[in-house]
Amino acid sequence: MKTNIPSLLGINAELSTYSVPVFEKDLPDGIWGTANIDRTVHINKDLNKKQKKDAAEHEMEHIKQFRNGSVSYDTKNIYYKPSTGSPMQIIPQKSIKLGGHGLPWEKAVYDKTKTYAK
């Protein structure tokens, strides 16, 4: 029997994995998705099916960055480690445009996903 629980919780069952739930949410205009430090993904509920898939793919790459320790964040800073042997860089969130294509951790993901929000 098919369950309706994911849709009741706002979860996109098709795009979610066992360890990373993908929630469809009201997000500000122009924001396709967010990867959260708690390893959940939020995607804009107003996107079409292909855009949702592209957004989830992009945000899952950020989850991989969180898992491998190359990126983390808190309410004030982004913590970025370009490579295993390099020191952690601390970037104040107020000094950057979050999600900006030119940010090194975003560029790495855009280089892999190609189609998201371009």
PDB file of N, CA and C in Angstrom:
ATOM      1  N   MET A   1       0.841  -1.178   0.000  1.00  0.00           N
ATOM      2  CA  MET A   1       0.000   0.000   0.000  1.00  0.00           C
ATOM      3  C   MET A   1       0.893   1.251   0.000  1.00  0.00           C
ATOM      4  N   LYS A   2       0.580   2.149  -0.885  1.00  0.00           N
ATOM      5  CA  LYS A   2       1.344   3.397  -0.988  1.00  0.00           C
ATOM      6  C   LYS A   2       0.898   4.353   0.111  1.00  0.00           C
ATOM      7  N   THR A   3       1.873   4.982   0.762  1.00  0.00           N
ATOM      8  CA  THR A   3       1.562   5.889   1.866  1.00  0.00           C
ATOM      9  C   THR A   3       1.608   7.344   1.408  1.00  0.00           C
ATOM     10  N   ASN A   4       0.854   8.170   2.066  1.00  0.00           N
ATOM     11  CA  ASN A   4       0.794   9.597   1.760  1.00  0.00           C
ATOM     12  C   ASN A   4       1.612  10.414   2.769  1.00  0.00           C
ATOM     13  N   ILE A   5       2.334   9.750   3.657  1.00  0.00           N
ATOM     14  CA  ILE A   5       3.071  10.441   4.721  1.00  0.00           C
ATOM     15  C   ILE A   5       4.087  11.440   4.169  1.00  0.00           C
ATOM     16  N   PRO A   6       4.925  11.080   3.177  1.00  0.00           N
ATOM     17  CA  PRO A   6       5.875  12.087   2.678  1.00  0.00           C
ATOM     18  C   PRO A   6       5.198  13.380   2.229  1.00  0.00           C
ATOM     19  N   SER A   7       4.107  13.273   1.475  1.00  0.00           N
ATOM     20  CA  SER A   7       3.455  14.498   1.005  1.00  0.00           C
ATOM     21  C   SER A   7       2.826  15.281   2.156  1.00  0.00           C
ATOM     22  N   LEU A   8       2.348  14.592   3.175  1.00  0.00           N
ATOM     23  CA  LEU A   8       1.806  15.290   4.348  1.00  0.00           C
ATOM     24  C   LEU A   8       2.886  16.084   5.072  1.00  0.00           C
ATOM     25  N   LEU A   9       4.121  15.591   5.013  1.00  0.00           N
ATOM     26  CA  LEU A   9       5.249  16.262   5.672  1.00  0.00           C
ATOM     27  C   LEU A   9       5.954  17.259   4.762  1.00  0.00           C
ATOM     28  N   GLY A  10       5.511  17.341   3.509  1.00  0.00           N
ATOM     29  CA  GLY A  10       6.155  18.247   2.564  1.00  0.00           C
ATOM     30  C   GLY A  10       7.425  17.678   1.969  1.00  0.00           C
ATOM     31  N   ILE A  11       7.589  16.358   2.040  1.00  0.00           N
ATOM     32  CA  ILE A  11       8.783  15.703   1.520  1.00  0.00           C
ATOM     33  C   ILE A  11       8.540  15.261   0.086  1.00  0.00           C
ATOM     34  N   ASN A  12       9.513  15.533  -0.773  1.00  0.00           N
ATOM     35  CA  ASN A  12       9.481  15.025  -2.136  1.00  0.00           C
ATOM     36  C   ASN A  12      10.136  13.646  -2.098  1.00  0.00           C
ATOM     37  N   ALA A  13       9.326  12.600  -2.080  1.00  0.00           N
ATOM     38  CA  ALA A  13       9.830  11.235  -1.923  1.00  0.00           C
ATOM     39  C   ALA A  13      10.707  10.822  -3.105  1.00  0.00           C
ATOM     40  N   GLU A  14      10.398  11.314  -4.279  1.00  0.00           N
ATOM     41  CA  GLU A  14      11.159  10.958  -5.477  1.00  0.00           C
ATOM     42  C   GLU A  14      12.598  11.481  -5.413  1.00  0.00           C
ATOM     43  N   LEU A  15      12.799  12.660  -4.855  1.00  0.00           N
ATOM     44  CA  LEU A  15      14.121  13.283  -4.824  1.00  0.00           C
ATOM     45  C   LEU A  15      14.890  13.024  -3.537  1.00  0.00           C
ATOM     46  N   SER A  16      14.204  12.538  -2.515  1.00  0.00           N
ATOM     47  CA  SER A  16      14.849  12.271  -1.229  1.00  0.00           C
ATOM     48  C   SER A  16      15.648  10.975  -1.286  1.00  0.00           C
ATOM     49  N   THR A  17      16.654  10.905  -0.415  1.00  0.00           N
ATOM     50  CA  THR A  17      17.366   9.652  -0.214  1.00  0.00           C
ATOM     51  C   THR A  17      17.096   9.207   1.217  1.00  0.00           C
ATOM     52  N   TYR A  18      17.580   8.035   1.550  1.00  0.00           N
ATOM     53  CA  TYR A  18      17.383   7.519   2.903  1.00  0.00           C
ATOM     54  C   TYR A  18      17.946   8.468   3.952  1.00  0.00           C
ATOM     55  N   SER A  19      19.103   9.083   3.654  1.00  0.00           N
ATOM     56  CA  SER A  19      19.761   9.922   4.655  1.00  0.00           C
ATOM     57  C   SER A  19      19.570  11.424   4.449  1.00  0.00           C
ATOM     58  N   VAL A  20      18.996  11.820   3.302  1.00  0.00           N
ATOM     59  CA  VAL A  20      18.796  13.249   3.029  1.00  0.00           C
ATOM     60  C   VAL A  20      17.371  13.476   2.517  1.00  0.00           C
ATOM     61  N   PRO A  21      16.484  13.930   3.402  1.00  0.00           N
ATOM     62  CA  PRO A  21      15.138  14.252   2.933  1.00  0.00           C
ATOM     63  C   PRO A  21      15.122  15.582   2.165  1.00  0.00           C
ATOM     64  N   VAL A  22      14.316  15.617   1.120  1.00  0.00           N
ATOM     65  CA  VAL A  22      14.155  16.832   0.315  1.00  0.00           C
ATOM     66  C   VAL A  22      12.743  17.355   0.573  1.00  0.00           C
ATOM     67  N   PHE A  23      12.667  18.538   1.170  1.00  0.00           N
ATOM     68  CA  PHE A  23      11.392  19.168   1.490  1.00  0.00           C
ATOM     69  C   PHE A  23      11.057  20.221   0.445  1.00  0.00           C
ATOM     70  N   GLU A  24       9.816  20.282   0.043  1.00  0.00           N
ATOM     71  CA  GLU A  24       9.353  21.353  -0.840  1.00  0.00           C
ATOM     72  C   GLU A  24       8.799  22.465   0.045  1.00  0.00           C
ATOM     73  N   LYS A  25       9.321  23.674  -0.157  1.00  0.00           N
ATOM     74  CA  LYS A  25       8.998  24.809   0.709  1.00  0.00           C
ATOM     75  C   LYS A  25       8.722  26.056  -0.112  1.00  0.00           C
ATOM     76  N   ASP A  26       8.084  27.036   0.523  1.00  0.00           N
ATOM     77  CA  ASP A  26       8.006  28.386  -0.034  1.00  0.00           C
ATOM     78  C   ASP A  26       9.377  29.011   0.190  1.00  0.00           C
ATOM     79  N   LEU A  27      10.088  29.315  -0.877  1.00  0.00           N
ATOM     80  CA  LEU A  27      11.379  29.985  -0.779  1.00  0.00           C
ATOM     81  C   LEU A  27      11.280  31.323  -1.502  1.00  0.00           C
ATOM     82  N   PRO A  28      12.120  32.284  -1.149  1.00  0.00           N
ATOM     83  CA  PRO A  28      12.080  33.592  -1.812  1.00  0.00           C
ATOM     84  C   PRO A  28      12.276  33.457  -3.322  1.00  0.00           C
ATOM     85  N   ASP A  29      11.730  34.416  -4.060  1.00  0.00           N
ATOM     86  CA  ASP A  29      11.892  34.431  -5.512  1.00  0.00           C
ATOM     87  C   ASP A  29      13.359  34.331  -5.881  1.00  0.00           C
ATOM     88  N   GLY A  30      13.653  33.514  -6.872  1.00  0.00           N
ATOM     89  CA  GLY A  30      15.017  33.366  -7.351  1.00  0.00           C
ATOM     90  C   GLY A  30      15.829  32.319  -6.603  1.00  0.00           C
ATOM     91  N   ILE A  31      15.312  31.822  -5.483  1.00  0.00           N
ATOM     92  CA  ILE A  31      16.008  30.785  -4.727  1.00  0.00           C
ATOM     93  C   ILE A  31      15.406  29.435  -5.107  1.00  0.00           C
ATOM     94  N   TRP A  32      16.236  28.601  -5.706  1.00  0.00           N
ATOM     95  CA  TRP A  32      15.768  27.274  -6.119  1.00  0.00           C
ATOM     96  C   TRP A  32      15.862  26.274  -4.985  1.00  0.00           C
ATOM     97  N   GLY A  33      16.883  26.398  -4.135  1.00  0.00           N
ATOM     98  CA  GLY A  33      17.040  25.424  -3.073  1.00  0.00           C
ATOM     99  C   GLY A  33      18.096  25.827  -2.075  1.00  0.00           C
ATOM    100  N   THR A  34      18.107  25.109  -0.967  1.00  0.00           N
ATOM    101  CA  THR A  34      19.118  25.308   0.065  1.00  0.00           C
ATOM    102  C   THR A  34      19.524  23.942   0.617  1.00  0.00           C
ATOM    103  N   ALA A  35      20.801  23.820   0.925  1.00  0.00           N
ATOM    104  CA  ALA A  35      21.310  22.656   1.641  1.00  0.00           C
ATOM    105  C   ALA A  35      21.533  23.108   3.073  1.00  0.00           C
ATOM    106  N   ASN A  36      21.046  22.345   4.001  1.00  0.00           N
ATOM    107  CA  ASN A  36      21.101  22.737   5.403  1.00  0.00           C
ATOM    108  C   ASN A  36      22.117  21.894   6.165  1.00  0.00           C
ATOM    109  N   ILE A  37      22.731  22.503   7.157  1.00  0.00           N
ATOM    110  CA  ILE A  37      23.778  21.844   7.927  1.00  0.00           C
ATOM    111  C   ILE A  37      23.248  20.583   8.620  1.00  0.00           C
ATOM    112  N   ASP A  38      21.939  20.484   8.822  1.00  0.00           N
ATOM    113  CA  ASP A  38      21.355  19.272   9.414  1.00  0.00           C
ATOM    114  C   ASP A  38      21.150  18.172   8.367  1.00  0.00           C
ATOM    115  N   ARG A  39      21.691  18.417   7.174  1.00  0.00           N
ATOM    116  CA  ARG A  39      21.670  17.469   6.049  1.00  0.00           C
ATOM    117  C   ARG A  39      20.263  17.202   5.536  1.00  0.00           C
ATOM    118  N   THR A  40      19.494  18.278   5.494  1.00  0.00           N
ATOM    119  CA  THR A  40      18.227  18.266   4.780  1.00  0.00           C
ATOM    120  C   THR A  40      18.364  19.241   3.618  1.00  0.00           C
ATOM    121  N   VAL A  41      17.507  19.063   2.636  1.00  0.00           N
ATOM    122  CA  VAL A  41      17.485  19.952   1.487  1.00  0.00           C
ATOM    123  C   VAL A  41      16.082  20.544   1.387  1.00  0.00           C
ATOM    124  N   HIS A  42      16.026  21.833   1.119  1.00  0.00           N
ATOM    125  CA  HIS A  42      14.754  22.503   0.835  1.00  0.00           C
ATOM    126  C   HIS A  42      14.796  22.959  -0.613  1.00  0.00           C
ATOM    127  N   ILE A  43      13.740  22.643  -1.368  1.00  0.00           N
ATOM    128  CA  ILE A  43      13.639  23.137  -2.736  1.00  0.00           C
ATOM    129  C   ILE A  43      12.354  23.935  -2.874  1.00  0.00           C
ATOM    130  N   ASN A  44      12.388  24.886  -3.789  1.00  0.00           N
ATOM    131  CA  ASN A  44      11.259  25.772  -4.012  1.00  0.00           C
ATOM    132  C   ASN A  44      10.092  24.979  -4.582  1.00  0.00           C
ATOM    133  N   LYS A  45       8.976  24.988  -3.896  1.00  0.00           N
ATOM    134  CA  LYS A  45       7.812  24.208  -4.308  1.00  0.00           C
ATOM    135  C   LYS A  45       7.212  24.701  -5.620  1.00  0.00           C
ATOM    136  N   ASP A  46       7.549  25.919  -6.036  1.00  0.00           N
ATOM    137  CA  ASP A  46       6.974  26.492  -7.251  1.00  0.00           C
ATOM    138  C   ASP A  46       7.753  26.141  -8.522  1.00  0.00           C
ATOM    139  N   LEU A  47       8.852  25.409  -8.395  1.00  0.00           N
ATOM    140  CA  LEU A  47       9.625  25.014  -9.569  1.00  0.00           C
ATOM    141  C   LEU A  47       8.913  23.898 -10.325  1.00  0.00           C
ATOM    142  N   ASN A  48       9.234  23.776 -11.624  1.00  0.00           N
ATOM    143  CA  ASN A  48       8.688  22.641 -12.359  1.00  0.00           C
ATOM    144  C   ASN A  48       9.484  21.389 -11.992  1.00  0.00           C
ATOM    145  N   LYS A  49       9.036  20.236 -12.471  1.00  0.00           N
ATOM    146  CA  LYS A  49       9.631  18.961 -12.073  1.00  0.00           C
ATOM    147  C   LYS A  49      11.136  18.892 -12.406  1.00  0.00           C
ATOM    148  N   LYS A  50      11.515  19.327 -13.604  1.00  0.00           N
ATOM    149  CA  LYS A  50      12.930  19.290 -13.999  1.00  0.00           C
ATOM    150  C   LYS A  50      13.762  20.233 -13.136  1.00  0.00           C
ATOM    151  N   GLN A  51      13.245  21.430 -12.881  1.00  0.00           N
ATOM    152  CA  GLN A  51      13.965  22.385 -12.041  1.00  0.00           C
ATOM    153  C   GLN A  51      14.150  21.839 -10.620  1.00  0.00           C
ATOM    154  N   LYS A  52      13.118  21.177 -10.097  1.00  0.00           N
ATOM    155  CA  LYS A  52      13.233  20.574  -8.760  1.00  0.00           C
ATOM    156  C   LYS A  52      14.326  19.520  -8.745  1.00  0.00           C
ATOM    157  N   LYS A  53      14.375  18.702  -9.790  1.00  0.00           N
ATOM    158  CA  LYS A  53      15.412  17.663  -9.893  1.00  0.00           C
ATOM    159  C   LYS A  53      16.798  18.308  -9.960  1.00  0.00           C
ATOM    160  N   ASP A  54      16.934  19.348 -10.790  1.00  0.00           N
ATOM    161  CA  ASP A  54      18.217  20.054 -10.909  1.00  0.00           C
ATOM    162  C   ASP A  54      18.624  20.700  -9.586  1.00  0.00           C
ATOM    163  N   ALA A  55      17.661  21.316  -8.910  1.00  0.00           N
ATOM    164  CA  ALA A  55      17.951  21.967  -7.627  1.00  0.00           C
ATOM    165  C   ALA A  55      18.377  20.939  -6.588  1.00  0.00           C
ATOM    166  N   ALA A  56      17.659  19.821  -6.521  1.00  0.00           N
ATOM    167  CA  ALA A  56      18.004  18.781  -5.548  1.00  0.00           C
ATOM    168  C   ALA A  56      19.395  18.212  -5.839  1.00  0.00           C
ATOM    169  N   GLU A  57      19.712  18.004  -7.117  1.00  0.00           N
ATOM    170  CA  GLU A  57      21.032  17.494  -7.499  1.00  0.00           C
ATOM    171  C   GLU A  57      22.130  18.456  -7.023  1.00  0.00           C
ATOM    172  N   HIS A  58      21.919  19.740  -7.253  1.00  0.00           N
ATOM    173  CA  HIS A  58      22.881  20.759  -6.840  1.00  0.00           C
ATOM    174  C   HIS A  58      23.052  20.762  -5.315  1.00  0.00           C
ATOM    175  N   GLU A  59      21.948  20.785  -4.604  1.00  0.00           N
ATOM    176  CA  GLU A  59      22.007  20.869  -3.147  1.00  0.00           C
ATOM    177  C   GLU A  59      22.581  19.597  -2.529  1.00  0.00           C
ATOM    178  N   MET A  60      22.367  18.442  -3.160  1.00  0.00           N
ATOM    179  CA  MET A  60      22.963  17.190  -2.677  1.00  0.00           C
ATOM    180  C   MET A  60      24.493  17.263  -2.746  1.00  0.00           C
ATOM    181  N   GLU A  61      25.017  17.982  -3.738  1.00  0.00           N
ATOM    182  CA  GLU A  61      26.470  18.162  -3.820  1.00  0.00           C
ATOM    183  C   GLU A  61      26.978  18.976  -2.625  1.00  0.00           C
ATOM    184  N   HIS A  62      26.192  19.949  -2.180  1.00  0.00           N
ATOM    185  CA  HIS A  62      26.574  20.702  -0.974  1.00  0.00           C
ATOM    186  C   HIS A  62      26.541  19.795   0.262  1.00  0.00           C
ATOM    187  N   ILE A  63      25.562  18.903   0.319  1.00  0.00           N
ATOM    188  CA  ILE A  63      25.507  17.949   1.438  1.00  0.00           C
ATOM    189  C   ILE A  63      26.791  17.115   1.451  1.00  0.00           C
ATOM    190  N   LYS A  64      27.260  16.716   0.274  1.00  0.00           N
ATOM    191  CA  LYS A  64      28.533  15.970   0.192  1.00  0.00           C
ATOM    192  C   LYS A  64      29.685  16.821   0.725  1.00  0.00           C
ATOM    193  N   GLN A  65      29.664  18.128   0.414  1.00  0.00           N
ATOM    194  CA  GLN A  65      30.704  19.020   0.943  1.00  0.00           C
ATOM    195  C   GLN A  65      30.654  19.074   2.470  1.00  0.00           C
ATOM    196  N   PHE A  66      29.450  19.122   3.034  1.00  0.00           N
ATOM    197  CA  PHE A  66      29.311  19.130   4.500  1.00  0.00           C
ATOM    198  C   PHE A  66      29.880  17.829   5.069  1.00  0.00           C
ATOM    199  N   ARG A  67      29.548  16.718   4.431  1.00  0.00           N
ATOM    200  CA  ARG A  67      29.984  15.411   4.927  1.00  0.00           C
ATOM    201  C   ARG A  67      31.500  15.241   4.862  1.00  0.00           C
ATOM    202  N   ASN A  68      32.116  15.743   3.787  1.00  0.00           N
ATOM    203  CA  ASN A  68      33.564  15.538   3.664  1.00  0.00           C
ATOM    204  C   ASN A  68      34.379  16.619   4.395  1.00  0.00           C
ATOM    205  N   GLY A  69      33.702  17.578   4.998  1.00  0.00           N
ATOM    206  CA  GLY A  69      34.374  18.583   5.811  1.00  0.00           C
ATOM    207  C   GLY A  69      34.952  19.756   5.041  1.00  0.00           C
ATOM    208  N   SER A  70      34.661  19.848   3.739  1.00  0.00           N
ATOM    209  CA  SER A  70      35.208  20.968   2.969  1.00  0.00           C
ATOM    210  C   SER A  70      34.405  22.252   3.157  1.00  0.00           C
ATOM    211  N   VAL A  71      33.145  22.130   3.571  1.00  0.00           N
ATOM    212  CA  VAL A  71      32.298  23.306   3.808  1.00  0.00           C
ATOM    213  C   VAL A  71      31.446  23.062   5.051  1.00  0.00           C
ATOM    214  N   SER A  72      31.280  24.114   5.816  1.00  0.00           N
ATOM    215  CA  SER A  72      30.367  24.118   6.954  1.00  0.00           C
ATOM    216  C   SER A  72      29.898  25.554   7.144  1.00  0.00           C
ATOM    217  N   TYR A  73      28.946  25.763   7.994  1.00  0.00           N
ATOM    218  CA  TYR A  73      28.510  27.131   8.281  1.00  0.00           C
ATOM    219  C   TYR A  73      27.796  27.190   9.616  1.00  0.00           C
ATOM    220  N   ASP A  74      27.726  28.392  10.136  1.00  0.00           N
ATOM    221  CA  ASP A  74      26.883  28.686  11.290  1.00  0.00           C
ATOM    222  C   ASP A  74      26.146  29.983  10.972  1.00  0.00           C
ATOM    223  N   THR A  75      25.570  30.622  11.949  1.00  0.00           N
ATOM    224  CA  THR A  75      24.766  31.819  11.678  1.00  0.00           C
ATOM    225  C   THR A  75      25.590  33.018  11.235  1.00  0.00           C
ATOM    226  N   LYS A  76      26.909  32.989  11.476  1.00  0.00           N
ATOM    227  CA  LYS A  76      27.743  34.141  11.137  1.00  0.00           C
ATOM    228  C   LYS A  76      28.742  33.888  10.013  1.00  0.00           C
ATOM    229  N   ASN A  77      29.236  32.661   9.887  1.00  0.00           N
ATOM    230  CA  ASN A  77      30.348  32.396   8.975  1.00  0.00           C
ATOM    231  C   ASN A  77      30.128  31.166   8.096  1.00  0.00           C
ATOM    232  N   ILE A  78      30.847  31.167   6.978  1.00  0.00           N
ATOM    233  CA  ILE A  78      31.019  29.981   6.151  1.00  0.00           C
ATOM    234  C   ILE A  78      32.448  29.506   6.419  1.00  0.00           C
ATOM    235  N   TYR A  79      32.623  28.214   6.579  1.00  0.00           N
ATOM    236  CA  TYR A  79      33.936  27.629   6.807  1.00  0.00           C
ATOM    237  C   TYR A  79      34.266  26.789   5.580  1.00  0.00           C
ATOM    238  N   TYR A  80      35.333  27.153   4.894  1.00  0.00           N
ATOM    239  CA  TYR A  80      35.665  26.520   3.625  1.00  0.00           C
ATOM    240  C   TYR A  80      37.105  26.032   3.628  1.00  0.00           C
ATOM    241  N   LYS A  81      37.277  24.789   3.264  1.00  0.00           N
ATOM    242  CA  LYS A  81      38.606  24.175   3.180  1.00  0.00           C
ATOM    243  C   LYS A  81      38.779  23.692   1.740  1.00  0.00           C
ATOM    244  N   PRO A  82      39.569  24.429   0.931  1.00  0.00           N
ATOM    245  CA  PRO A  82      39.701  24.117  -0.490  1.00  0.00           C
ATOM    246  C   PRO A  82      40.239  22.719  -0.795  1.00  0.00           C
ATOM    247  N   SER A  83      41.164  22.231   0.035  1.00  0.00           N
ATOM    248  CA  SER A  83      41.726  20.899  -0.179  1.00  0.00           C
ATOM    249  C   SER A  83      42.102  20.296   1.172  1.00  0.00           C
ATOM    250  N   THR A  84      42.389  19.025   1.163  1.00  0.00           N
ATOM    251  CA  THR A  84      42.663  18.307   2.409  1.00  0.00           C
ATOM    252  C   THR A  84      43.769  18.945   3.245  1.00  0.00           C
ATOM    253  N   GLY A  85      44.853  19.357   2.615  1.00  0.00           N
ATOM    254  CA  GLY A  85      45.978  19.911   3.357  1.00  0.00           C
ATOM    255  C   GLY A  85      45.908  21.397   3.620  1.00  0.00           C
ATOM    256  N   SER A  86      44.916  22.066   3.098  1.00  0.00           N
ATOM    257  CA  SER A  86      44.843  23.523   3.247  1.00  0.00           C
ATOM    258  C   SER A  86      44.158  23.919   4.554  1.00  0.00           C
ATOM    259  N   PRO A  87      44.464  25.122   5.043  1.00  0.00           N
ATOM    260  CA  PRO A  87      43.801  25.587   6.263  1.00  0.00           C
ATOM    261  C   PRO A  87      42.342  25.962   5.989  1.00  0.00           C
ATOM    262  N   MET A  88      41.547  25.901   7.023  1.00  0.00           N
ATOM    263  CA  MET A  88      40.141  26.286   6.933  1.00  0.00           C
ATOM    264  C   MET A  88      40.058  27.807   6.776  1.00  0.00           C
ATOM    265  N   GLN A  89      39.305  28.255   5.788  1.00  0.00           N
ATOM    266  CA  GLN A  89      39.051  29.678   5.602  1.00  0.00           C
ATOM    267  C   GLN A  89      37.740  30.029   6.298  1.00  0.00           C
ATOM    268  N   ILE A  90      37.722  31.154   6.969  1.00  0.00           N
ATOM    269  CA  ILE A  90      36.506  31.618   7.645  1.00  0.00           C
ATOM    270  C   ILE A  90      36.026  32.861   6.913  1.00  0.00           C
ATOM    271  N   ILE A  91      34.830  32.760   6.335  1.00  0.00           N
ATOM    272  CA  ILE A  91      34.279  33.855   5.538  1.00  0.00           C
ATOM    273  C   ILE A  91      32.997  34.345   6.210  1.00  0.00           C
ATOM    274  N   PRO A  92      32.983  35.604   6.677  1.00  0.00           N
ATOM    275  CA  PRO A  92      31.754  36.133   7.276  1.00  0.00           C
ATOM    276  C   PRO A  92      30.616  36.137   6.249  1.00  0.00           C
ATOM    277  N   GLN A  93      29.470  35.611   6.639  1.00  0.00           N
ATOM    278  CA  GLN A  93      28.331  35.557   5.721  1.00  0.00           C
ATOM    279  C   GLN A  93      27.921  36.941   5.230  1.00  0.00           C
ATOM    280  N   LYS A  94      28.051  37.939   6.088  1.00  0.00           N
ATOM    281  CA  LYS A  94      27.623  39.284   5.688  1.00  0.00           C
ATOM    282  C   LYS A  94      28.534  39.887   4.619  1.00  0.00           C
ATOM    283  N   SER A  95      29.700  39.261   4.384  1.00  0.00           N
ATOM    284  CA  SER A  95      30.639  39.807   3.394  1.00  0.00           C
ATOM    285  C   SER A  95      30.455  39.211   1.992  1.00  0.00           C
ATOM    286  N   ILE A  96      29.520  38.269   1.849  1.00  0.00           N
ATOM    287  CA  ILE A  96      29.324  37.609   0.556  1.00  0.00           C
ATOM    288  C   ILE A  96      27.840  37.548   0.195  1.00  0.00           C
ATOM    289  N   LYS A  97      27.581  37.242  -1.069  1.00  0.00           N
ATOM    290  CA  LYS A  97      26.199  36.968  -1.507  1.00  0.00           C
ATOM    291  C   LYS A  97      26.037  35.452  -1.490  1.00  0.00           C
ATOM    292  N   LEU A  98      25.292  34.953  -0.519  1.00  0.00           N
ATOM    293  CA  LEU A  98      25.111  33.510  -0.400  1.00  0.00           C
ATOM    294  C   LEU A  98      24.557  32.942  -1.702  1.00  0.00           C
ATOM    295  N   GLY A  99      25.130  31.828  -2.134  1.00  0.00           N
ATOM    296  CA  GLY A  99      24.699  31.188  -3.376  1.00  0.00           C
ATOM    297  C   GLY A  99      25.345  31.755  -4.616  1.00  0.00           C
ATOM    298  N   GLY A 100      26.197  32.777  -4.460  1.00  0.00           N
ATOM    299  CA  GLY A 100      26.836  33.408  -5.607  1.00  0.00           C
ATOM    300  C   GLY A 100      27.670  32.416  -6.408  1.00  0.00           C
ATOM    301  N   HIS A 101      27.504  32.440  -7.705  1.00  0.00           N
ATOM    302  CA  HIS A 101      28.171  31.484  -8.591  1.00  0.00           C
ATOM    303  C   HIS A 101      29.694  31.559  -8.489  1.00  0.00           C
ATOM    304  N   GLY A 102      30.259  32.691  -8.102  1.00  0.00           N
ATOM    305  CA  GLY A 102      31.707  32.844  -8.051  1.00  0.00           C
ATOM    306  C   GLY A 102      32.356  32.336  -6.769  1.00  0.00           C
ATOM    307  N   LEU A 103      31.557  31.997  -5.773  1.00  0.00           N
ATOM    308  CA  LEU A 103      32.125  31.482  -4.525  1.00  0.00           C
ATOM    309  C   LEU A 103      32.744  30.110  -4.802  1.00  0.00           C
ATOM    310  N   PRO A 104      33.909  29.837  -4.248  1.00  0.00           N
ATOM    311  CA  PRO A 104      34.620  28.615  -4.633  1.00  0.00           C
ATOM    312  C   PRO A 104      33.845  27.321  -4.389  1.00  0.00           C
ATOM    313  N   TRP A 105      33.122  27.220  -3.282  1.00  0.00           N
ATOM    314  CA  TRP A 105      32.351  26.003  -3.006  1.00  0.00           C
ATOM    315  C   TRP A 105      31.144  25.910  -3.924  1.00  0.00           C
ATOM    316  N   GLU A 106      30.603  27.048  -4.346  1.00  0.00           N
ATOM    317  CA  GLU A 106      29.505  27.043  -5.320  1.00  0.00           C
ATOM    318  C   GLU A 106      30.041  26.695  -6.705  1.00  0.00           C
ATOM    319  N   LYS A 107      31.177  27.284  -7.072  1.00  0.00           N
ATOM    320  CA  LYS A 107      31.755  27.008  -8.383  1.00  0.00           C
ATOM    321  C   LYS A 107      32.019  25.518  -8.558  1.00  0.00           C
ATOM    322  N   ALA A 108      32.540  24.873  -7.514  1.00  0.00           N
ATOM    323  CA  ALA A 108      32.811  23.433  -7.572  1.00  0.00           C
ATOM    324  C   ALA A 108      31.528  22.652  -7.862  1.00  0.00           C
ATOM    325  N   VAL A 109      30.428  23.069  -7.247  1.00  0.00           N
ATOM    326  CA  VAL A 109      29.156  22.387  -7.468  1.00  0.00           C
ATOM    327  C   VAL A 109      28.584  22.732  -8.843  1.00  0.00           C
ATOM    328  N   TYR A 110      28.632  24.008  -9.240  1.00  0.00           N
ATOM    329  CA  TYR A 110      28.136  24.387 -10.566  1.00  0.00           C
ATOM    330  C   TYR A 110      28.905  23.673 -11.661  1.00  0.00           C
ATOM    331  N   ASP A 111      30.212  23.472 -11.472  1.00  0.00           N
ATOM    332  CA  ASP A 111      31.012  22.759 -12.458  1.00  0.00           C
ATOM    333  C   ASP A 111      30.531  21.319 -12.636  1.00  0.00           C
ATOM    334  N   LYS A 112      30.001  20.723 -11.558  1.00  0.00           N
ATOM    335  CA  LYS A 112      29.479  19.351 -11.634  1.00  0.00           C
ATOM    336  C   LYS A 112      28.056  19.293 -12.163  1.00  0.00           C
ATOM    337  N   THR A 113      27.214  20.227 -11.747  1.00  0.00           N
ATOM    338  CA  THR A 113      25.789  20.117 -12.049  1.00  0.00           C
ATOM    339  C   THR A 113      25.362  20.854 -13.308  1.00  0.00           C
ATOM    340  N   LYS A 114      26.111  21.833 -13.728  1.00  0.00           N
ATOM    341  CA  LYS A 114      25.951  22.567 -14.995  1.00  0.00           C
ATOM    342  C   LYS A 114      24.617  23.305 -15.180  1.00  0.00           C
ATOM    343  N   THR A 115      23.480  22.673 -14.959  1.00  0.00           N
ATOM    344  CA  THR A 115      22.209  23.251 -15.405  1.00  0.00           C
ATOM    345  C   THR A 115      21.473  24.071 -14.349  1.00  0.00           C
ATOM    346  N   TYR A 116      21.870  23.989 -13.110  1.00  0.00           N
ATOM    347  CA  TYR A 116      21.094  24.588 -12.029  1.00  0.00           C
ATOM    348  C   TYR A 116      21.155  26.110 -12.028  1.00  0.00           C
ATOM    349  N   ALA A 117      20.010  26.728 -12.099  1.00  0.00           N
ATOM    350  CA  ALA A 117      19.837  28.175 -11.896  1.00  0.00           C
ATOM    351  C   ALA A 117      20.738  29.034 -12.777  1.00  0.00           C
ATOM    352  N   LYS A 118      21.003  28.589 -13.976  1.00  0.00           N
ATOM    353  CA  LYS A 118      21.832  29.393 -14.871  1.00  0.00           C
ATOM    354  C   LYS A 118      20.973  30.088 -15.902  1.00  0.00           C
TER     355      LYS A 118
END
